[in-house]
C-alpha atoms as a PDB file:
ATOM      1  CA  UNK A   1     173.937 121.154 233.260  1.00  0.00           C
ATOM      2  CA  UNK A   2     173.692 121.201 229.283  1.00  0.00           C
ATOM      3  CA  UNK A   3     171.569 123.932 227.928  1.00  0.00           C
ATOM      4  CA  UNK A   4     171.312 127.011 226.469  1.00  0.00           C
ATOM      5  CA  UNK A   5     172.085 130.467 227.535  1.00  0.00           C
ATOM      6  CA  UNK A   6     169.359 132.613 228.324  1.00  0.00           C
ATOM      7  CA  UNK A   7     169.202 136.533 227.788  1.00  0.00           C
ATOM      8  CA  UNK A   8     166.928 138.614 229.923  1.00  0.00           C
ATOM      9  CA  UNK A   9     166.487 142.347 228.653  1.00  0.00           C
ATOM     10  CA  UNK A  10     166.796 144.667 231.527  1.00  0.00           C
ATOM     11  CA  UNK A  11     167.191 148.138 230.009  1.00  0.00           C
ATOM     12  CA  UNK A  12     167.048 149.745 226.776  1.00  0.00           C
ATOM     13  CA  UNK A  13     169.653 152.508 225.542  1.00  0.00           C
ATOM     14  CA  UNK A  14     170.898 154.831 226.089  1.00  0.00           C
ATOM     15  CA  UNK A  15     172.119 153.929 229.388  1.00  0.00           C
ATOM     16  CA  UNK A  16     175.401 153.852 231.001  1.00  0.00           C
ATOM     17  CA  UNK A  17     176.598 151.307 233.734  1.00  0.00           C
ATOM     18  CA  UNK A  18     179.812 151.625 235.189  1.00  0.00           C
ATOM     19  CA  UNK A  19     180.551 149.432 238.270  1.00  0.00           C
ATOM     20  CA  UNK A  20     179.890 145.773 239.891  1.00  0.00           C
ATOM     21  CA  UNK A  21     176.037 144.847 239.276  1.00  0.00           C
ATOM     22  CA  UNK A  22     174.774 142.412 241.611  1.00  0.00           C
ATOM     23  CA  UNK A  23     171.923 139.761 241.235  1.00  0.00           C
ATOM     24  CA  UNK A  24     169.826 138.866 244.448  1.00  0.00           C
ATOM     25  CA  UNK A  25     167.446 135.736 243.991  1.00  0.00           C
ATOM     26  CA  UNK A  26     166.568 132.610 245.557  1.00  0.00           C
ATOM     27  CA  UNK A  27     168.243 129.656 244.061  1.00  0.00           C
ATOM     28  CA  UNK A  28     167.214 126.273 243.536  1.00  0.00           C
ATOM     29  CA  UNK A  29     169.708 123.674 242.599  1.00  0.00           C
ATOM     30  CA  UNK A  30     169.164 120.110 241.885  1.00  0.00           C
ATOM     31  CA  UNK A  31     172.859 119.413 240.837  1.00  0.00           C
ATOM     32  CA  UNK A  32     175.661 118.500 243.090  1.00  0.00           C
ATOM     33  CA  UNK A  33     178.670 120.920 242.017  1.00  0.00           C
ATOM     34  CA  UNK A  34     176.284 123.102 240.064  1.00  0.00           C
ATOM     35  CA  UNK A  35     177.314 126.285 238.232  1.00  0.00           C
ATOM     36  CA  UNK A  36     175.878 128.765 236.355  1.00  0.00           C
ATOM     37  CA  UNK A  37     177.705 131.917 234.337  1.00  0.00           C
ATOM     38  CA  UNK A  38     176.272 135.470 234.642  1.00  0.00           C
ATOM     39  CA  UNK A  39     177.263 138.435 232.479  1.00  0.00           C
ATOM     40  CA  UNK A  40     175.872 141.621 231.187  1.00  0.00           C
ATOM     41  CA  UNK A  41     175.544 141.832 227.147  1.00  0.00           C
ATOM     42  CA  UNK A  42     174.344 144.371 224.815  1.00  0.00           C
ATOM     43  CA  UNK A  43     172.747 144.306 221.390  1.00  0.00           C
ATOM     44  CA  UNK A  44     169.628 144.865 219.218  1.00  0.00           C
ATOM     45  CA  UNK A  45     168.332 141.593 220.221  1.00  0.00           C
ATOM     46  CA  UNK A  46     168.970 138.505 222.355  1.00  0.00           C
ATOM     47  CA  UNK A  47     170.178 137.017 218.944  1.00  0.00           C
ATOM     48  CA  UNK A  48     173.101 139.593 218.550  1.00  0.00           C
ATOM     49  CA  UNK A  49     173.930 140.430 222.087  1.00  0.00           C
ATOM     50  CA  UNK A  50     177.835 140.302 222.720  1.00  0.00           C
ATOM     51  CA  UNK A  51     178.917 140.067 226.504  1.00  0.00           C
ATOM     52  CA  UNK A  52     180.262 143.228 227.784  1.00  0.00           C
ATOM     53  CA  UNK A  53     184.227 142.974 228.380  1.00  0.00           C
ATOM     54  CA  UNK A  54     184.003 139.118 227.294  1.00  0.00           C
ATOM     55  CA  UNK A  55     183.496 138.482 231.093  1.00  0.00           C
ATOM     56  CA  UNK A  56     181.324 136.405 233.107  1.00  0.00           C
ATOM     57  CA  UNK A  57     181.480 135.295 236.694  1.00  0.00           C
ATOM     58  CA  UNK A  58     179.885 132.099 238.239  1.00  0.00           C
ATOM     59  CA  UNK A  59     177.580 130.840 240.566  1.00  0.00           C
ATOM     60  CA  UNK A  60     179.025 127.786 242.158  1.00  0.00           C
ATOM     61  CA  UNK A  61     176.677 125.320 244.582  1.00  0.00           C
ATOM     62  CA  UNK A  62     178.532 122.759 245.883  1.00  0.00           C
ATOM     63  CA  UNK A  63     175.545 120.653 246.952  1.00  0.00           C
ATOM     64  CA  UNK A  64     172.171 120.875 245.915  1.00  0.00           C
ATOM     65  CA  UNK A  65     169.576 122.845 247.250  1.00  0.00           C
ATOM     66  CA  UNK A  66     166.552 121.351 247.599  1.00  0.00           C
ATOM     67  CA  UNK A  67     164.605 124.790 248.961  1.00  0.00           C
ATOM     68  CA  UNK A  68     164.966 128.074 247.557  1.00  0.00           C
ATOM     69  CA  UNK A  69     167.973 129.725 249.323  1.00  0.00           C
ATOM     70  CA  UNK A  70     168.809 133.829 249.032  1.00  0.00           C
ATOM     71  CA  UNK A  71     172.151 134.295 247.315  1.00  0.00           C
ATOM     72  CA  UNK A  72     173.420 137.654 246.108  1.00  0.00           C
ATOM     73  CA  UNK A  73     175.483 136.982 242.919  1.00  0.00           C
ATOM     74  CA  UNK A  74     178.139 139.538 241.669  1.00  0.00           C
ATOM     75  CA  UNK A  75     178.706 140.017 238.189  1.00  0.00           C
ATOM     76  CA  UNK A  76     181.952 141.450 236.578  1.00  0.00           C
ATOM     77  CA  UNK A  77     182.497 145.029 237.140  1.00  0.00           C
ATOM     78  CA  UNK A  78     181.926 146.715 233.803  1.00  0.00           C
ATOM     79  CA  UNK A  79     182.136 150.165 232.244  1.00  0.00           C
ATOM     80  CA  UNK A  80     179.656 150.484 229.194  1.00  0.00           C
ATOM     81  CA  UNK A  81     177.574 152.901 227.282  1.00  0.00           C
ATOM     82  CA  UNK A  82     174.578 151.170 225.820  1.00  0.00           C
ATOM     83  CA  UNK A  83     173.405 153.365 222.786  1.00  0.00           C
ATOM     84  CA  UNK A  84     169.876 154.019 221.654  1.00  0.00           C
ATOM     85  CA  UNK A  85     168.564 151.292 219.552  1.00  0.00           C
ATOM     86  CA  UNK A  86     170.282 148.585 221.563  1.00  0.00           C
ATOM     87  CA  UNK A  87     169.446 146.774 224.569  1.00  0.00           C
ATOM     88  CA  UNK A  88     171.199 145.831 228.170  1.00  0.00           C
ATOM     89  CA  UNK A  89     170.710 142.075 228.626  1.00  0.00           C
ATOM     90  CA  UNK A  90     171.170 139.714 231.575  1.00  0.00           C
ATOM     91  CA  UNK A  91     173.073 136.558 230.265  1.00  0.00           C
ATOM     92  CA  UNK A  92     172.765 133.380 232.535  1.00  0.00           C
ATOM     93  CA  UNK A  93     174.482 130.356 230.822  1.00  0.00           C
ATOM     94  CA  UNK A  94     175.411 126.645 231.887  1.00  0.00           C
ATOM     95  CA  UNK A  95     178.795 127.406 230.495  1.00  0.00           C
ATOM     96  CA  UNK A  96     181.368 129.686 229.553  1.00  0.00           C
ATOM     97  CA  UNK A  97     184.119 129.644 226.881  1.00  0.00           C
ATOM     98  CA  UNK A  98     186.499 131.606 229.329  1.00  0.00           C
ATOM     99  CA  UNK A  99     186.163 128.475 231.792  1.00  0.00           C
ATOM    100  CA  UNK A 100     186.143 125.787 229.727  1.00  0.00           C
ATOM    101  CA  UNK A 101     185.575 122.388 231.591  1.00  0.00           C
ATOM    102  CA  UNK A 102     183.855 124.457 234.294  1.00  0.00           C
ATOM    103  CA  UNK A 103     180.637 123.943 233.614  1.00  0.00           C
ATOM    104  CA  UNK A 104     178.048 121.963 235.803  1.00  0.00           C
ATOM    105  CA  UNK A 105     179.480 118.713 237.078  1.00  0.00           C
ATOM    106  CA  UNK A 106     176.328 116.820 236.661  1.00  0.00           C
ATOM    107  CA  UNK A 107     173.461 117.539 234.411  1.00  0.00           C
ATOM    108  CA  UNK A 108     170.788 119.481 236.697  1.00  0.00           C
ATOM    109  CA  UNK A 109     168.215 122.208 236.883  1.00  0.00           C
ATOM    110  CA  UNK A 110     169.226 125.287 238.671  1.00  0.00           C
ATOM    111  CA  UNK A 111     166.580 128.187 239.168  1.00  0.00           C
ATOM    112  CA  UNK A 112     166.327 131.856 240.255  1.00  0.00           C
ATOM    113  CA  UNK A 113     163.015 132.951 241.688  1.00  0.00           C
ATOM    114  CA  UNK A 114     162.334 136.515 242.485  1.00  0.00           C
ATOM    115  CA  UNK A 115     165.320 137.954 240.936  1.00  0.00           C
ATOM    116  CA  UNK A 116     166.152 141.392 241.241  1.00  0.00           C
ATOM    117  CA  UNK A 117     169.154 143.128 239.171  1.00  0.00           C
ATOM    118  CA  UNK A 118     170.944 146.129 240.648  1.00  0.00           C
ATOM    119  CA  UNK A 119     172.767 148.044 237.995  1.00  0.00           C
ATOM    120  CA  UNK A 120     175.420 150.678 238.872  1.00  0.00           C
ATOM    121  CA  UNK A 121     174.183 153.611 236.305  1.00  0.00           C
ATOM    122  CA  UNK A 122     175.888 156.519 235.718  1.00  0.00           C
END
């Protein structure tokens, strides 16, 4: 539903990520046709982090999930070097400007519990 993107710091540079990251989590969604978009971002802080290769992938839940349900979410495959002094962030957003009009169809809450991000580091 409506809201702002969340940025979670996952690693400090220098680090190289090459491949397809995945996110395992228990998902609860109160919205019908709910969506959230996931990406990796790089910056000195969440305030200036830029999405890697301007690419986000959605999690799309057609029906509400009233009990936590295990999901594996594939993030876009990337090849990025995070330099010293910058950090890698997981970005979770209710919208994506690359997918205009494809945010959640109804306002609602989407929660990820026990999330584990798997990074293909080189």
